[in-house]
Amino acid sequence: MNTLFARTLRKLREERGLSQKQLGEKMFVNHSTVARWENSSRLPDAIMITRLAKCLGVDTNELFSLAAQSEESPNVIIVEDSKVILSDCLSVLGEVMTNATIMGFIWPMEAIEYAKKNRVALAILDIELGTASGLDLCRTLLEINPRTNIVFLTAYADYSLDAWKTEASGFMLKPLTTENVREQLKKLRYPFSIGGSEK
């Protein structure tokens, strides 16, 4: 749980003389939602963080940075059926997310088994996985943990429409670059700490 974000949110709200109910009204959420954010039992998604920043008059990036500061090393997986591409992607991800545990999988079933035993913060999925589909894998991973951020990776932009029909946070075209990864990390539904400079 992210207690730093929770404490900061409460401090900002109180400094502005707002009750949880009043902030909830400004945010168009129930006051119990604000309470859950402040007791660190729940973290607002990217849309809510942007709205919070506006309501509280603070810099959006500041709130995103706080939300990203997790107290544990996040588990990140990438599923790609090409060993060469998988190796390149692991190198890029390791450069961007210095404090994450990053695992690569060629076979979807191995990724599913890993997700059952480990809380996956981010799954980057190739859409075409041999005879399997990254879209189907997305649904399975979200059944295991609905708070897993899913980002699709493909060489074909035509797949983007299918990808957006899922609960994915984003979509990236191959080859994977540090710039693309950093841009997608800003758009995650459930932000987490990536370590390093977090540019």
Protein backbone atom coordinates (compact mmCIF):
# COMPACT_ATOMS: atom_id res chain seq x y z
CA MET A 1 0.00 0.00 0.00
CA ASN A 2 1.13 3.54 -0.70
CA THR A 3 1.03 5.32 2.65
CA LEU A 4 3.05 8.31 1.39
CA PHE A 5 0.39 9.19 -1.19
CA ALA A 6 -2.36 8.69 1.40
CA ARG A 7 -0.68 10.96 3.97
CA THR A 8 0.06 13.64 1.39
CA LEU A 9 -3.49 13.62 0.04
CA ARG A 10 -4.92 14.06 3.54
CA LYS A 11 -2.48 16.89 4.28
CA LEU A 12 -3.33 18.71 1.02
CA ARG A 13 -7.07 18.32 1.65
CA GLU A 14 -6.85 19.59 5.22
CA GLU A 15 -4.63 22.53 4.21
CA ARG A 16 -7.42 23.62 1.89
CA GLY A 17 -10.03 23.29 4.61
CA LEU A 18 -11.93 20.55 2.82
CA SER A 19 -13.68 17.60 4.42
CA GLN A 20 -13.58 14.21 2.73
CA LYS A 21 -17.19 14.79 1.70
CA GLN A 22 -16.41 18.20 0.17
CA LEU A 23 -13.45 16.83 -1.77
CA GLY A 24 -15.59 13.91 -2.91
CA GLU A 25 -18.21 16.35 -4.21
CA LYS A 26 -15.56 18.26 -6.15
CA MET A 27 -14.23 14.97 -7.53
CA PHE A 28 -17.69 13.55 -8.27
CA VAL A 29 -16.98 10.51 -6.08
CA ASN A 30 -18.44 9.27 -2.80
CA HIS A 31 -16.67 10.51 0.36
CA SER A 32 -15.91 6.87 1.22
CA THR A 33 -13.76 6.70 -1.91
CA VAL A 34 -11.70 9.64 -0.62
CA ALA A 35 -11.46 7.88 2.75
CA ARG A 36 -10.07 4.75 1.09
CA TRP A 37 -7.48 6.85 -0.74
CA GLU A 38 -6.45 8.44 2.55
CA ASN A 39 -6.20 5.20 4.51
CA SER A 40 -4.11 3.71 1.67
CA SER A 41 -6.51 0.81 1.05
CA ARG A 42 -7.01 2.07 -2.48
CA LEU A 43 -4.99 4.13 -4.97
CA PRO A 44 -6.77 6.41 -7.46
CA ASP A 45 -6.23 5.68 -11.15
CA ALA A 46 -4.61 8.11 -13.60
CA ILE A 47 -7.85 9.93 -14.41
CA MET A 48 -8.66 10.45 -10.73
CA ILE A 49 -5.12 11.62 -9.95
CA THR A 50 -5.38 14.23 -12.70
CA ARG A 51 -8.74 15.36 -11.30
CA LEU A 52 -7.34 15.44 -7.75
CA ALA A 53 -4.47 17.67 -8.83
CA LYS A 54 -6.92 20.12 -10.40
CA CYS A 55 -9.24 20.13 -7.37
CA LEU A 56 -6.37 20.63 -4.93
CA GLY A 57 -4.45 23.10 -7.09
CA VAL A 58 -1.24 21.09 -7.21
CA ASP A 59 1.04 19.91 -10.00
CA THR A 60 -0.27 16.75 -11.65
CA ASN A 61 3.24 15.29 -12.01
CA GLU A 62 3.79 15.73 -8.28
CA LEU A 63 0.77 13.57 -7.48
CA PHE A 64 1.73 10.99 -10.09
CA SER A 65 5.20 10.80 -8.60
CA LEU A 66 3.77 10.24 -5.11
CA ALA A 67 1.37 7.60 -6.39
CA ALA A 68 4.25 5.83 -8.09
CA GLN A 69 6.24 5.47 -4.88
CA SER A 70 5.37 1.95 -3.83
CA GLU A 71 6.81 0.29 -0.76
CA GLU A 72 7.64 -2.89 -2.63
CA SER A 73 9.42 -3.87 -5.82
CA PRO A 74 6.79 -4.24 -8.55
CA ASN A 75 6.58 -7.41 -10.65
CA VAL A 76 6.61 -6.72 -14.37
CA ILE A 77 6.17 -9.39 -17.04
CA ILE A 78 6.53 -9.35 -20.79
CA VAL A 79 5.14 -12.09 -23.00
CA GLU A 80 6.70 -12.24 -26.48
CA ASP A 81 7.11 -15.37 -28.62
CA SER A 82 10.32 -14.20 -30.33
CA LYS A 83 13.41 -14.85 -28.18
CA VAL A 84 15.39 -12.10 -29.92
CA ILE A 85 12.67 -9.47 -29.46
CA LEU A 86 12.06 -10.64 -25.88
CA SER A 87 15.74 -10.20 -25.04
CA ASP A 88 15.79 -6.68 -26.50
CA CYS A 89 12.60 -5.74 -24.63
CA LEU A 90 13.96 -7.00 -21.31
CA SER A 91 17.01 -4.78 -21.79
CA VAL A 92 14.85 -1.70 -22.46
CA LEU A 93 12.52 -2.40 -19.52
CA GLY A 94 15.47 -2.94 -17.18
CA GLU A 95 16.88 0.43 -18.17
CA VAL A 96 13.60 2.24 -17.44
CA MET A 97 12.31 0.32 -14.39
CA THR A 98 15.40 -0.07 -12.25
CA ASN A 99 13.65 -1.29 -9.09
CA ALA A 100 11.21 -3.72 -10.73
CA THR A 101 11.41 -7.50 -10.90
CA ILE A 102 11.10 -8.09 -14.64
CA MET A 103 10.32 -11.53 -16.06
CA GLY A 104 10.09 -12.53 -19.71
CA PHE A 105 7.96 -15.37 -21.04
CA ILE A 106 7.64 -16.97 -24.45
CA TRP A 107 4.72 -19.20 -23.47
CA PRO A 108 1.46 -17.63 -22.21
CA MET A 109 0.79 -20.49 -19.79
CA GLU A 110 4.08 -19.80 -17.99
CA ALA A 111 3.07 -16.16 -17.60
CA ILE A 112 -0.31 -17.23 -16.21
CA GLU A 113 1.31 -19.53 -13.65
CA TYR A 114 3.68 -16.75 -12.59
CA ALA A 115 0.76 -14.32 -12.22
CA LYS A 116 -1.09 -16.78 -10.01
CA LYS A 117 1.85 -16.85 -7.58
CA ASN A 118 3.01 -13.23 -7.83
CA ARG A 119 1.15 -9.91 -7.87
CA VAL A 120 1.88 -8.52 -11.35
CA ALA A 121 1.86 -4.72 -11.54
CA LEU A 122 2.41 -4.53 -15.30
CA ALA A 123 2.06 -7.06 -18.11
CA ILE A 124 3.35 -6.17 -21.57
CA LEU A 125 1.80 -8.56 -24.05
CA ASP A 126 2.49 -9.28 -27.68
CA ILE A 127 -0.88 -9.57 -29.40
CA GLU A 128 0.15 -12.46 -31.67
CA LEU A 129 1.65 -15.27 -29.58
CA GLY A 130 1.92 -18.10 -32.07
CA THR A 131 -1.38 -19.94 -31.87
CA ALA A 132 -2.38 -17.97 -28.77
CA SER A 133 -3.77 -14.45 -28.48
CA GLY A 134 -2.45 -11.67 -26.28
CA LEU A 135 -6.02 -10.39 -26.07
CA ASP A 136 -7.13 -13.66 -24.45
CA LEU A 137 -4.10 -13.61 -22.18
CA CYS A 138 -5.06 -10.08 -21.10
CA ARG A 139 -8.48 -11.27 -19.98
CA THR A 140 -6.99 -14.17 -18.04
CA LEU A 141 -4.45 -11.98 -16.25
CA LEU A 142 -7.16 -9.50 -15.28
CA GLU A 143 -9.26 -12.34 -13.88
CA ILE A 144 -6.28 -13.26 -11.69
CA ASN A 145 -5.65 -9.64 -10.63
CA PRO A 146 -7.94 -6.84 -11.88
CA ARG A 147 -5.31 -4.24 -10.86
CA THR A 148 -2.71 -5.53 -13.30
CA ASN A 149 -1.81 -2.85 -15.83
CA ILE A 150 -1.88 -4.31 -19.34
CA VAL A 151 0.04 -2.77 -22.24
CA PHE A 152 -0.03 -4.41 -25.65
CA LEU A 153 3.04 -4.65 -27.86
CA THR A 154 2.81 -5.41 -31.57
CA ALA A 155 4.32 -4.67 -34.96
CA TYR A 156 0.88 -3.99 -36.43
CA ALA A 157 -0.98 -0.76 -35.69
CA ASP A 158 -4.17 -2.36 -37.08
CA TYR A 159 -4.51 -4.30 -33.82
CA SER A 160 -4.94 -1.14 -31.78
CA LEU A 161 -8.74 -1.12 -32.12
CA ASP A 162 -8.99 -4.67 -30.78
CA ALA A 163 -6.60 -3.80 -27.95
CA TRP A 164 -8.72 -0.84 -26.83
CA LYS A 165 -11.74 -3.10 -26.45
CA THR A 166 -10.00 -4.72 -23.48
CA GLU A 167 -9.14 -3.16 -20.10
CA ALA A 168 -5.64 -2.29 -21.33
CA SER A 169 -3.78 0.80 -20.17
CA GLY A 170 -1.89 1.26 -23.41
CA PHE A 171 -0.52 0.08 -26.71
CA MET A 172 3.05 0.21 -28.07
CA LEU A 173 4.46 -0.57 -31.49
CA LYS A 174 7.65 -2.56 -31.91
CA PRO A 175 10.52 -2.03 -31.53
CA LEU A 176 10.25 -1.13 -27.85
CA THR A 177 12.10 2.04 -26.86
CA THR A 178 12.80 3.66 -23.49
CA GLU A 179 10.83 6.74 -24.61
CA ASN A 180 7.74 4.69 -25.47
CA VAL A 181 7.91 2.79 -22.19
CA ARG A 182 8.24 5.97 -20.11
CA GLU A 183 5.31 7.54 -21.98
CA GLN A 184 3.10 4.49 -21.37
CA LEU A 185 4.02 4.35 -17.68
CA LYS A 186 2.50 7.82 -17.26
CA LYS A 187 -0.84 6.47 -18.48
CA LEU A 188 -1.19 3.39 -16.28
CA ARG A 189 -4.49 2.87 -14.47
CA TYR A 190 -2.61 1.83 -11.35
CA PRO A 191 0.73 3.71 -11.14
CA PHE A 192 3.73 2.20 -9.38
CA SER A 193 7.34 3.17 -8.72
CA ILE A 194 9.68 2.47 -11.62
CA GLY A 195 12.85 3.53 -9.83
CA GLY A 196 15.63 5.62 -11.33
CA SER A 197 14.86 9.16 -12.44
CA GLU A 198 11.25 8.40 -13.45
CA LYS A 199 11.44 10.95 -16.28
